[in-house]
Protein backbone atom coordinates (compact mmCIF):
# COMPACT_ATOMS: atom_id res chain seq x y z
CA MET A 1 28.63 133.33 211.14
CA GLU A 2 26.16 135.06 213.46
CA ILE A 3 26.60 138.48 211.83
CA ALA A 4 25.61 137.00 208.45
CA LEU A 5 22.35 135.77 209.97
CA GLU A 6 21.60 139.20 211.43
CA LEU A 7 22.45 141.03 208.23
CA ILE A 8 20.44 138.75 205.91
CA GLN A 9 17.47 139.07 208.26
CA GLN A 10 17.78 142.86 208.07
CA LEU A 11 17.98 142.83 204.26
CA ALA A 12 14.95 140.55 204.05
CA LYS A 13 12.80 143.19 205.72
CA ASP A 14 12.94 145.28 202.53
CA GLU A 15 10.79 144.07 199.62
CA ARG A 16 12.87 146.25 197.28
CA VAL A 17 16.10 144.29 197.74
CA MET A 18 17.17 142.22 194.73
CA TRP A 19 18.80 138.92 195.70
CA VAL A 20 21.48 137.51 193.41
CA VAL A 21 22.42 133.94 194.21
CA GLY A 22 25.81 132.72 193.01
CA GLY A 23 28.64 134.62 191.46
CA GLY A 24 30.16 132.47 188.76
CA ASN A 25 29.02 131.88 185.21
CA VAL A 26 25.44 131.27 186.30
CA VAL A 27 23.53 133.45 188.77
CA SER A 28 19.90 133.77 189.74
CA GLU A 29 18.37 137.25 190.20
CA ASN A 30 15.32 137.33 192.44
CA ASN A 31 13.10 140.19 193.50
CA SER A 32 11.76 140.28 197.04
CA LYS A 33 8.05 140.31 196.28
CA GLY A 34 6.33 138.46 199.09
CA ILE A 35 9.54 137.81 201.02
CA LYS A 36 9.08 136.04 204.32
CA GLU A 37 11.09 136.17 207.54
CA PRO A 38 14.18 133.96 206.98
CA GLU A 39 14.21 130.69 208.88
CA TYR A 40 17.34 129.22 210.47
CA SER A 41 17.68 125.48 211.06
CA GLU A 42 20.61 123.08 211.36
CA GLY A 43 23.19 125.59 210.10
CA TYR A 44 21.20 126.76 207.08
CA LEU A 45 19.29 129.98 206.60
CA THR A 46 16.33 129.70 204.23
CA VAL A 47 15.22 132.87 202.46
CA GLU A 48 11.89 132.56 200.66
CA ALA A 49 9.65 134.85 198.62
CA ASP A 50 6.56 134.30 196.48
CA ASN A 51 8.15 132.27 193.70
CA TRP A 52 11.68 131.34 194.81
CA HIS A 53 13.81 130.38 197.78
CA PHE A 54 17.43 129.63 198.58
CA HIS A 55 19.42 128.09 201.41
CA VAL A 56 22.64 129.58 202.78
CA PRO A 57 25.01 127.45 204.88
CA LEU A 58 26.00 130.18 207.34
CA ASP A 59 29.15 128.37 208.48
CA LYS A 60 30.45 128.66 204.89
CA VAL A 61 30.16 132.47 204.83
CA THR A 62 33.73 133.67 205.38
CA GLY A 63 33.43 137.31 204.30
CA ILE A 64 30.93 140.15 204.02
CA GLN A 65 31.41 143.34 202.04
CA PHE A 66 29.30 146.43 201.57
CA VAL A 67 29.97 147.36 197.94
CA GLU A 68 29.61 150.47 195.81
CA ALA A 69 30.23 149.31 192.26
CA GLU A 70 30.54 151.11 188.95
CA SER A 71 28.38 149.52 186.28
CA HIS A 72 26.83 150.41 182.95
CA GLY A 73 29.10 153.39 182.39
CA ASP A 74 28.20 156.13 184.86
CA LEU A 75 25.75 154.09 186.97
CA LEU A 76 26.58 152.92 190.50
CA SER A 77 25.13 149.89 192.26
CA TYR A 78 24.99 149.29 196.01
CA TYR A 79 24.89 145.85 197.59
CA VAL A 80 26.04 143.51 200.32
CA ARG A 81 28.21 140.60 199.17
CA PHE A 82 28.52 137.34 201.10
CA SER A 83 31.52 135.23 200.13
CA GLY A 84 32.82 131.81 200.96
CA ASP A 85 36.09 129.92 200.61
CA ASN A 86 38.49 131.32 198.03
CA GLU A 87 36.45 134.56 198.04
CA GLU A 88 33.77 133.14 195.70
CA THR A 89 30.51 135.08 195.77
CA MET A 90 27.71 133.11 197.37
CA LEU A 91 25.02 135.76 197.60
CA ARG A 92 24.45 139.48 197.02
CA GLY A 93 21.63 141.68 198.27
CA TYR A 94 21.22 144.77 196.04
CA PHE A 95 19.66 147.89 197.48
CA PRO A 96 17.20 149.84 195.29
CA ASN A 97 19.34 151.79 192.86
CA PRO A 98 19.26 155.50 193.71
CA TYR A 99 19.84 156.38 190.04
CA LEU A 100 16.82 154.46 188.74
CA ASP A 101 13.14 155.29 189.16
CA ASP A 102 10.44 152.72 189.99
CA ASP A 103 10.30 151.72 186.29
CA ASN A 104 14.10 151.20 186.21
CA LYS A 105 14.61 154.30 184.06
CA ARG A 106 17.63 156.51 184.75
CA THR A 107 16.90 159.52 186.89
CA GLU A 108 18.67 162.04 189.08
CA LEU A 109 20.08 160.77 192.37
CA GLN A 110 17.33 159.87 194.86
CA PRO A 111 19.07 160.36 198.21
CA GLU A 112 16.36 158.55 200.18
CA LYS A 113 17.26 155.29 198.39
CA LEU A 114 20.96 155.76 199.06
CA LYS A 115 20.33 156.49 202.77
CA LYS A 116 19.32 152.88 203.53
CA PHE A 117 22.62 151.58 202.12
CA HIS A 118 24.65 154.19 204.01
CA ASP A 119 22.77 153.54 207.28
CA MET A 120 23.33 149.77 207.10
CA ARG A 121 26.94 150.20 205.95
CA ASP A 122 27.64 152.51 208.88
CA LYS A 123 26.03 150.04 211.29
CA TYR A 124 27.88 146.93 210.10
CA VAL A 125 31.25 147.88 208.58
CA GLY A 126 33.99 147.17 211.11
CA ARG A 127 32.00 144.47 212.90
CA ASP A 128 33.36 140.92 212.63
CA GLY A 129 35.57 141.73 209.66
CA ILE A 130 32.86 143.36 207.50
CA ILE A 131 34.42 145.85 205.07
CA PHE A 132 33.38 148.51 202.55
CA VAL A 133 34.80 148.41 199.02
CA HIS A 134 34.44 150.46 195.87
CA ARG A 135 34.63 148.35 192.73
CA ALA A 136 35.60 150.03 189.49
CA ALA A 137 33.89 148.91 186.29
CA GLN A 138 35.68 146.09 184.53
CA ALA A 139 36.94 146.93 181.07
CA SER A 140 35.20 144.96 178.34
CA THR A 141 37.35 143.09 175.87
C-alpha cells in the first residue's frame, strides 16, 4: 500500500510521535527519540529509533484511519491507525497530545500541537480509502 509508505515516512519526520505497535492484549509503546528515515525493502518498511525498531509488511496494511479518541475521561488523543486483515490494529502513530504539556501534565488546549494532526488529516483523508473517525471512550466494567 503505497499511501501507507508515504504516511509512515511523514510521521517519522516528527520526533514527538509516539509509535504503538500491535493492538491486541500486548502492545509496545515507543517514543521517537533518534528516529531515522524509514527504509523500504522487499515489501517491508523498517522504522528505527535509538533503542527500538519494527518492521511493517506494507502489503498487509488494508486500512488507515485518522482518529480522534476520547480517553481518560475528558482527554482526547489524536493518532493514525494502520490496520490489517479483520481490522486488527497493526500500528498507531500518536501525535503530541494538545492537552498535555512537555511533562505530560494536563494543560489548556495547545492549538499548535493540534494543527499538525489537522493538517495531515486534511491532506490524507479521502485518498485511497483513508477515513477519519471519532472514537468514544469505552465504558469500563
